[in-house]
Amino acid sequence: MSYNIPQAGDLRGETSALLKLAMPLLIAQLAQMGTGVVDTVMAGRYSSLDLAAIAIGYNIWLPIYLISLGTTAMAAHQIAFNVYDVLYVPLISVGSAMTTRMGHAIGAGKMPAVKQSLCCGLLLLLAICTLVTPILIFFPDPVARIYTEDPDIRALSVTLLRVASLFVFIDLLAVPSSAALRAFKDTRFPFLVMGVAYWLVALPVGYGLGLTD
């Protein structure tokens, strides 16, 4: 089997294509990280105590917050997070498969196959969500009972699992959308969405709730 060494022109073209896709993703990630930088700068202008609180909270804010609510709340949140993590795995797996199948079809110029992969993926994700959501809404207590027999923890877990059912439908939209965009090599739209979400929504709301009276 022969192996052809890439020529300089091929390498430049491939590098340019990779950077064209990677740069919007890089900027989107920097936009996410940048909100943390701005938070830290704003807190530092208030006092060293605020800055220290940001430094601690940046890494462990959720555990500290849950500990402040008590062991029952912390245990219930852990159950809800764990259950949803398990349920999210099938969704993201289907999304990854969609990206692969659609990407191959796009490369082959077979647009009907692209549409078929997208429709089949959507139907499969809808089937998963249709199966999972009623369990979280109508039967959360048996799920919580797998983890604990404590009635207080189970009671709070029931509420949190029902709230988690809402995120299933959010991911039903997010997963195939992300899969399709990756397959079509569209990284600019996610960049724009993340920029708006973090800088025009999350940062002003966080400033209003955390640093104003």
C-alpha atoms as a PDB file:
ATOM      1  CA  MET A   1       0.000   0.000   0.000  1.00  0.00           C
ATOM      2  CA  SER A   2       1.503   3.313  -1.067  1.00  0.00           C
ATOM      3  CA  TYR A   3       1.339   6.494   0.909  1.00  0.00           C
ATOM      4  CA  ASN A   4       1.499   9.872  -0.769  1.00  0.00           C
ATOM      5  CA  ILE A   5       3.212  12.591   1.214  1.00  0.00           C
ATOM      6  CA  PRO A   6       1.014  15.711   1.285  1.00  0.00           C
ATOM      7  CA  GLN A   7       2.361  18.601  -0.697  1.00  0.00           C
ATOM      8  CA  ALA A   8       2.847  22.071   0.750  1.00  0.00           C
ATOM      9  CA  GLY A   9      -0.165  23.416  -1.125  1.00  0.00           C
ATOM     10  CA  ASP A  10      -2.380  20.629   0.190  1.00  0.00           C
ATOM     11  CA  LEU A  11      -1.203  21.277   3.736  1.00  0.00           C
ATOM     12  CA  ARG A  12      -1.901  24.993   3.428  1.00  0.00           C
ATOM     13  CA  GLY A  13      -5.376  24.323   2.071  1.00  0.00           C
ATOM     14  CA  GLU A  14      -6.222  21.812   4.779  1.00  0.00           C
ATOM     15  CA  THR A  15      -4.828  24.074   7.495  1.00  0.00           C
ATOM     16  CA  SER A  16      -6.908  26.955   6.188  1.00  0.00           C
ATOM     17  CA  ALA A  17     -10.046  24.780   6.170  1.00  0.00           C
ATOM     18  CA  LEU A  18      -9.391  23.587   9.715  1.00  0.00           C
ATOM     19  CA  LEU A  19      -8.820  27.109  10.991  1.00  0.00           C
ATOM     20  CA  LYS A  20     -11.977  28.313   9.255  1.00  0.00           C
ATOM     21  CA  LEU A  21     -13.973  25.780  11.251  1.00  0.00           C
ATOM     22  CA  ALA A  22     -11.988  26.034  14.465  1.00  0.00           C
ATOM     23  CA  MET A  23     -11.852  29.801  14.899  1.00  0.00           C
ATOM     24  CA  PRO A  24     -15.590  30.356  15.542  1.00  0.00           C
ATOM     25  CA  LEU A  25     -15.513  27.467  18.035  1.00  0.00           C
ATOM     26  CA  LEU A  26     -12.470  28.977  19.701  1.00  0.00           C
ATOM     27  CA  ILE A  27     -14.102  32.396  19.907  1.00  0.00           C
ATOM     28  CA  ALA A  28     -17.311  30.846  21.277  1.00  0.00           C
ATOM     29  CA  GLN A  29     -15.348  29.082  24.026  1.00  0.00           C
ATOM     30  CA  LEU A  30     -13.456  32.291  24.758  1.00  0.00           C
ATOM     31  CA  ALA A  31     -16.792  34.102  24.977  1.00  0.00           C
ATOM     32  CA  GLN A  32     -17.891  31.594  27.604  1.00  0.00           C
ATOM     33  CA  MET A  33     -14.633  31.908  29.529  1.00  0.00           C
ATOM     34  CA  GLY A  34     -14.665  35.681  29.065  1.00  0.00           C
ATOM     35  CA  THR A  35     -17.814  36.047  31.133  1.00  0.00           C
ATOM     36  CA  GLY A  36     -15.885  34.538  34.048  1.00  0.00           C
ATOM     37  CA  VAL A  37     -13.069  37.025  33.473  1.00  0.00           C
ATOM     38  CA  VAL A  38     -15.495  39.948  33.438  1.00  0.00           C
ATOM     39  CA  ASP A  39     -17.208  38.616  36.575  1.00  0.00           C
ATOM     40  CA  THR A  40     -13.840  38.495  38.330  1.00  0.00           C
ATOM     41  CA  VAL A  41     -12.872  41.995  37.203  1.00  0.00           C
ATOM     42  CA  MET A  42     -16.198  43.452  38.352  1.00  0.00           C
ATOM     43  CA  ALA A  43     -15.968  41.691  41.704  1.00  0.00           C
ATOM     44  CA  GLY A  44     -12.368  42.867  42.146  1.00  0.00           C
ATOM     45  CA  ARG A  45     -13.478  46.482  41.820  1.00  0.00           C
ATOM     46  CA  TYR A  46     -15.744  46.042  44.834  1.00  0.00           C
ATOM     47  CA  SER A  47     -13.464  44.429  47.400  1.00  0.00           C
ATOM     48  CA  SER A  48     -10.875  41.739  47.926  1.00  0.00           C
ATOM     49  CA  LEU A  49     -13.512  39.735  49.787  1.00  0.00           C
ATOM     50  CA  ASP A  50     -15.770  39.693  46.722  1.00  0.00           C
ATOM     51  CA  LEU A  51     -12.830  38.685  44.564  1.00  0.00           C
ATOM     52  CA  ALA A  52     -11.937  35.843  46.926  1.00  0.00           C
ATOM     53  CA  ALA A  53     -15.547  34.663  46.888  1.00  0.00           C
ATOM     54  CA  ILE A  54     -15.503  34.593  43.082  1.00  0.00           C
ATOM     55  CA  ALA A  55     -12.272  32.587  43.110  1.00  0.00           C
ATOM     56  CA  ILE A  56     -13.777  29.959  45.398  1.00  0.00           C
ATOM     57  CA  GLY A  57     -17.177  29.922  43.788  1.00  0.00           C
ATOM     58  CA  TYR A  58     -15.758  29.575  40.271  1.00  0.00           C
ATOM     59  CA  ASN A  59     -14.690  26.026  41.051  1.00  0.00           C
ATOM     60  CA  ILE A  60     -16.998  24.787  43.789  1.00  0.00           C
ATOM     61  CA  TRP A  61     -19.982  27.116  43.899  1.00  0.00           C
ATOM     62  CA  LEU A  62     -22.589  24.395  43.496  1.00  0.00           C
ATOM     63  CA  PRO A  63     -21.298  22.066  46.245  1.00  0.00           C
ATOM     64  CA  ILE A  64     -20.955  24.971  48.650  1.00  0.00           C
ATOM     65  CA  TYR A  65     -24.419  26.210  47.790  1.00  0.00           C
ATOM     66  CA  LEU A  66     -25.931  22.776  48.258  1.00  0.00           C
ATOM     67  CA  ILE A  67     -24.086  22.241  51.538  1.00  0.00           C
ATOM     68  CA  SER A  68     -25.582  25.496  52.769  1.00  0.00           C
ATOM     69  CA  LEU A  69     -29.026  24.058  52.037  1.00  0.00           C
ATOM     70  CA  GLY A  70     -28.315  20.937  54.047  1.00  0.00           C
ATOM     71  CA  THR A  71     -27.481  17.310  53.427  1.00  0.00           C
ATOM     72  CA  THR A  72     -30.985  16.482  52.211  1.00  0.00           C
ATOM     73  CA  ALA A  73     -30.842  19.046  49.399  1.00  0.00           C
ATOM     74  CA  MET A  74     -27.322  18.018  48.473  1.00  0.00           C
ATOM     75  CA  ALA A  75     -28.286  14.346  48.270  1.00  0.00           C
ATOM     76  CA  ALA A  76     -31.430  15.093  46.236  1.00  0.00           C
ATOM     77  CA  HIS A  77     -29.520  17.236  43.748  1.00  0.00           C
ATOM     78  CA  GLN A  78     -26.914  14.519  43.367  1.00  0.00           C
ATOM     79  CA  ILE A  79     -29.630  12.002  42.556  1.00  0.00           C
ATOM     80  CA  ALA A  80     -31.203  14.323  39.979  1.00  0.00           C
ATOM     81  CA  PHE A  81     -27.862  15.106  38.345  1.00  0.00           C
ATOM     82  CA  ASN A  82     -26.907  11.449  38.214  1.00  0.00           C
ATOM     83  CA  VAL A  83     -30.222  10.345  36.717  1.00  0.00           C
ATOM     84  CA  TYR A  84     -30.142  13.035  34.058  1.00  0.00           C
ATOM     85  CA  ASP A  85     -26.524  12.264  33.186  1.00  0.00           C
ATOM     86  CA  VAL A  86     -27.558   8.666  32.524  1.00  0.00           C
ATOM     87  CA  LEU A  87     -30.515   9.771  30.415  1.00  0.00           C
ATOM     88  CA  TYR A  88     -28.405  12.264  28.461  1.00  0.00           C
ATOM     89  CA  VAL A  89     -25.999   9.580  27.229  1.00  0.00           C
ATOM     90  CA  PRO A  90     -28.461   8.061  24.676  1.00  0.00           C
ATOM     91  CA  LEU A  91     -29.309  11.537  23.384  1.00  0.00           C
ATOM     92  CA  ILE A  92     -25.723  12.588  22.799  1.00  0.00           C
ATOM     93  CA  SER A  93     -24.888   9.166  21.331  1.00  0.00           C
ATOM     94  CA  VAL A  94     -27.631   9.503  18.730  1.00  0.00           C
ATOM     95  CA  GLY A  95     -26.454  13.048  18.020  1.00  0.00           C
ATOM     96  CA  SER A  96     -22.890  11.860  17.396  1.00  0.00           C
ATOM     97  CA  ALA A  97     -24.169   9.123  15.090  1.00  0.00           C
ATOM     98  CA  MET A  98     -26.245  11.699  13.205  1.00  0.00           C
ATOM     99  CA  THR A  99     -23.188  13.901  12.685  1.00  0.00           C
ATOM    100  CA  THR A 100     -21.221  10.961  11.278  1.00  0.00           C
ATOM    101  CA  ARG A 101     -23.973   9.709   8.962  1.00  0.00           C
ATOM    102  CA  MET A 102     -24.924  13.171   7.733  1.00  0.00           C
ATOM    103  CA  GLY A 103     -21.287  14.128   7.236  1.00  0.00           C
ATOM    104  CA  HIS A 104     -20.651  11.071   5.054  1.00  0.00           C
ATOM    105  CA  ALA A 105     -23.792  11.771   3.016  1.00  0.00           C
ATOM    106  CA  ILE A 106     -22.851  15.424   2.545  1.00  0.00           C
ATOM    107  CA  GLY A 107     -19.377  14.421   1.420  1.00  0.00           C
ATOM    108  CA  ALA A 108     -20.885  12.002  -1.094  1.00  0.00           C
ATOM    109  CA  GLY A 109     -23.274  14.670  -2.340  1.00  0.00           C
ATOM    110  CA  LYS A 110     -26.315  12.607  -1.401  1.00  0.00           C
ATOM    111  CA  MET A 111     -28.728  15.172   0.008  1.00  0.00           C
ATOM    112  CA  PRO A 112     -31.673  12.718   0.228  1.00  0.00           C
ATOM    113  CA  ALA A 113     -29.492  10.572   2.517  1.00  0.00           C
ATOM    114  CA  VAL A 114     -28.745  13.660   4.615  1.00  0.00           C
ATOM    115  CA  LYS A 115     -32.453  14.324   5.049  1.00  0.00           C
ATOM    116  CA  GLN A 116     -33.070  10.657   5.811  1.00  0.00           C
ATOM    117  CA  SER A 117     -30.399  10.609   8.531  1.00  0.00           C
ATOM    118  CA  LEU A 118     -31.765  13.818  10.016  1.00  0.00           C
ATOM    119  CA  CYS A 119     -35.370  12.565  10.048  1.00  0.00           C
ATOM    120  CA  CYS A 120     -34.431   9.161  11.434  1.00  0.00           C
ATOM    121  CA  GLY A 121     -32.296  10.781  14.116  1.00  0.00           C
ATOM    122  CA  LEU A 122     -35.112  13.129  15.097  1.00  0.00           C
ATOM    123  CA  LEU A 123     -37.578  10.242  15.312  1.00  0.00           C
ATOM    124  CA  LEU A 124     -35.160   8.191  17.409  1.00  0.00           C
ATOM    125  CA  LEU A 125     -34.525  11.116  19.768  1.00  0.00           C
ATOM    126  CA  LEU A 126     -38.264  11.752  20.006  1.00  0.00           C
ATOM    127  CA  ALA A 127     -38.826   8.086  20.863  1.00  0.00           C
ATOM    128  CA  ILE A 128     -36.200   8.258  23.619  1.00  0.00           C
ATOM    129  CA  CYS A 129     -37.697  11.446  25.046  1.00  0.00           C
ATOM    130  CA  THR A 130     -41.211  10.023  24.837  1.00  0.00           C
ATOM    131  CA  LEU A 131     -40.064   7.016  26.829  1.00  0.00           C
ATOM    132  CA  VAL A 132     -38.005   8.921  29.381  1.00  0.00           C
ATOM    133  CA  THR A 133     -40.171  11.949  30.100  1.00  0.00           C
ATOM    134  CA  PRO A 134     -43.240  10.083  31.496  1.00  0.00           C
ATOM    135  CA  ILE A 135     -40.926   8.185  33.840  1.00  0.00           C
ATOM    136  CA  LEU A 136     -39.528  11.427  35.232  1.00  0.00           C
ATOM    137  CA  ILE A 137     -42.947  13.070  35.487  1.00  0.00           C
ATOM    138  CA  PHE A 138     -45.178  10.243  36.701  1.00  0.00           C
ATOM    139  CA  PHE A 139     -42.788   7.771  38.325  1.00  0.00           C
ATOM    140  CA  PRO A 140     -39.952   9.769  39.874  1.00  0.00           C
ATOM    141  CA  ASP A 141     -40.334   8.192  43.313  1.00  0.00           C
ATOM    142  CA  PRO A 142     -39.384   4.641  42.191  1.00  0.00           C
ATOM    143  CA  VAL A 143     -36.346   6.156  40.476  1.00  0.00           C
ATOM    144  CA  ALA A 144     -35.331   8.008  43.632  1.00  0.00           C
ATOM    145  CA  ARG A 145     -35.944   4.865  45.688  1.00  0.00           C
ATOM    146  CA  ILE A 146     -33.137   3.158  43.752  1.00  0.00           C
ATOM    147  CA  TYR A 147     -30.743   5.553  45.426  1.00  0.00           C
ATOM    148  CA  THR A 148     -32.170   5.957  48.917  1.00  0.00           C
ATOM    149  CA  GLU A 149     -34.977   5.023  51.294  1.00  0.00           C
ATOM    150  CA  ASP A 150     -34.809   8.349  53.119  1.00  0.00           C
ATOM    151  CA  PRO A 151     -38.286   9.916  52.728  1.00  0.00           C
ATOM    152  CA  ASP A 152     -37.064  13.531  52.872  1.00  0.00           C
ATOM    153  CA  ILE A 153     -34.420  13.002  50.208  1.00  0.00           C
ATOM    154  CA  ARG A 154     -36.874  11.110  48.021  1.00  0.00           C
ATOM    155  CA  ALA A 155     -39.494  13.842  48.335  1.00  0.00           C
ATOM    156  CA  LEU A 156     -37.098  16.532  47.152  1.00  0.00           C
ATOM    157  CA  SER A 157     -35.674  14.247  44.477  1.00  0.00           C
ATOM    158  CA  VAL A 158     -39.171  13.749  43.063  1.00  0.00           C
ATOM    159  CA  THR A 159     -39.513  17.503  42.524  1.00  0.00           C
ATOM    160  CA  LEU A 160     -36.065  17.838  40.975  1.00  0.00           C
ATOM    161  CA  LEU A 161     -36.577  14.890  38.637  1.00  0.00           C
ATOM    162  CA  ARG A 162     -39.812  16.418  37.378  1.00  0.00           C
ATOM    163  CA  VAL A 163     -37.955  19.665  36.720  1.00  0.00           C
ATOM    164  CA  ALA A 164     -35.284  17.644  34.904  1.00  0.00           C
ATOM    165  CA  SER A 165     -37.956  16.353  32.519  1.00  0.00           C
ATOM    166  CA  LEU A 166     -38.118  19.860  31.023  1.00  0.00           C
ATOM    167  CA  PHE A 167     -34.465  19.666  30.042  1.00  0.00           C
ATOM    168  CA  VAL A 168     -35.157  16.490  28.091  1.00  0.00           C
ATOM    169  CA  PHE A 169     -37.212  18.464  25.592  1.00  0.00           C
ATOM    170  CA  ILE A 170     -34.620  21.251  25.503  1.00  0.00           C
ATOM    171  CA  ASP A 171     -31.978  18.684  24.574  1.00  0.00           C
ATOM    172  CA  LEU A 172     -34.403  17.162  22.052  1.00  0.00           C
ATOM    173  CA  LEU A 173     -33.988  20.428  20.137  1.00  0.00           C
ATOM    174  CA  ALA A 174     -30.346  21.109  20.976  1.00  0.00           C
ATOM    175  CA  VAL A 175     -28.830  17.707  20.153  1.00  0.00           C
ATOM    176  CA  PRO A 176     -30.048  17.308  16.541  1.00  0.00           C
ATOM    177  CA  SER A 177     -29.463  20.991  15.827  1.00  0.00           C
ATOM    178  CA  SER A 178     -25.879  20.711  17.007  1.00  0.00           C
ATOM    179  CA  ALA A 179     -25.407  17.458  15.084  1.00  0.00           C
ATOM    180  CA  ALA A 180     -26.679  18.978  11.840  1.00  0.00           C
ATOM    181  CA  LEU A 181     -24.546  22.097  12.192  1.00  0.00           C
ATOM    182  CA  ARG A 182     -21.413  20.028  12.790  1.00  0.00           C
ATOM    183  CA  ALA A 183     -22.215  17.827   9.804  1.00  0.00           C
ATOM    184  CA  PHE A 184     -22.585  20.880   7.552  1.00  0.00           C
ATOM    185  CA  LYS A 185     -19.395  22.366   9.064  1.00  0.00           C
ATOM    186  CA  ASP A 186     -21.322  25.368  10.350  1.00  0.00           C
ATOM    187  CA  THR A 187     -19.521  26.680  13.426  1.00  0.00           C
ATOM    188  CA  ARG A 188     -20.493  30.333  13.083  1.00  0.00           C
ATOM    189  CA  PHE A 189     -24.097  30.017  14.191  1.00  0.00           C
ATOM    190  CA  PRO A 190     -23.160  28.298  17.515  1.00  0.00           C
ATOM    191  CA  PHE A 191     -20.612  31.076  18.008  1.00  0.00           C
ATOM    192  CA  LEU A 192     -23.297  33.738  17.557  1.00  0.00           C
ATOM    193  CA  VAL A 193     -25.733  31.929  19.853  1.00  0.00           C
ATOM    194  CA  MET A 194     -23.148  31.469  22.604  1.00  0.00           C
ATOM    195  CA  GLY A 195     -22.029  35.072  22.259  1.00  0.00           C
ATOM    196  CA  VAL A 196     -25.575  36.363  22.680  1.00  0.00           C
ATOM    197  CA  ALA A 197     -26.426  33.895  25.462  1.00  0.00           C
ATOM    198  CA  TYR A 198     -23.358  34.626  27.578  1.00  0.00           C
ATOM    199  CA  TRP A 199     -22.677  38.303  26.892  1.00  0.00           C
ATOM    200  CA  LEU A 200     -26.130  39.761  26.258  1.00  0.00           C
ATOM    201  CA  VAL A 201     -28.163  37.544  28.611  1.00  0.00           C
ATOM    202  CA  ALA A 202     -26.138  35.708  31.261  1.00  0.00           C
ATOM    203  CA  LEU A 203     -23.638  38.454  32.082  1.00  0.00           C
ATOM    204  CA  PRO A 204     -26.161  41.329  32.478  1.00  0.00           C
ATOM    205  CA  VAL A 205     -28.527  39.121  34.483  1.00  0.00           C
ATOM    206  CA  GLY A 206     -25.670  37.910  36.683  1.00  0.00           C
ATOM    207  CA  TYR A 207     -24.532  41.496  37.251  1.00  0.00           C
ATOM    208  CA  GLY A 208     -28.046  42.598  38.102  1.00  0.00           C
ATOM    209  CA  LEU A 209     -28.654  39.764  40.538  1.00  0.00           C
ATOM    210  CA  GLY A 210     -25.219  39.587  42.104  1.00  0.00           C
ATOM    211  CA  LEU A 211     -23.649  43.039  42.118  1.00  0.00           C
ATOM    212  CA  THR A 212     -26.533  45.470  42.429  1.00  0.00           C
ATOM    213  CA  ASP A 213     -28.844  46.254  45.314  1.00  0.00           C
END
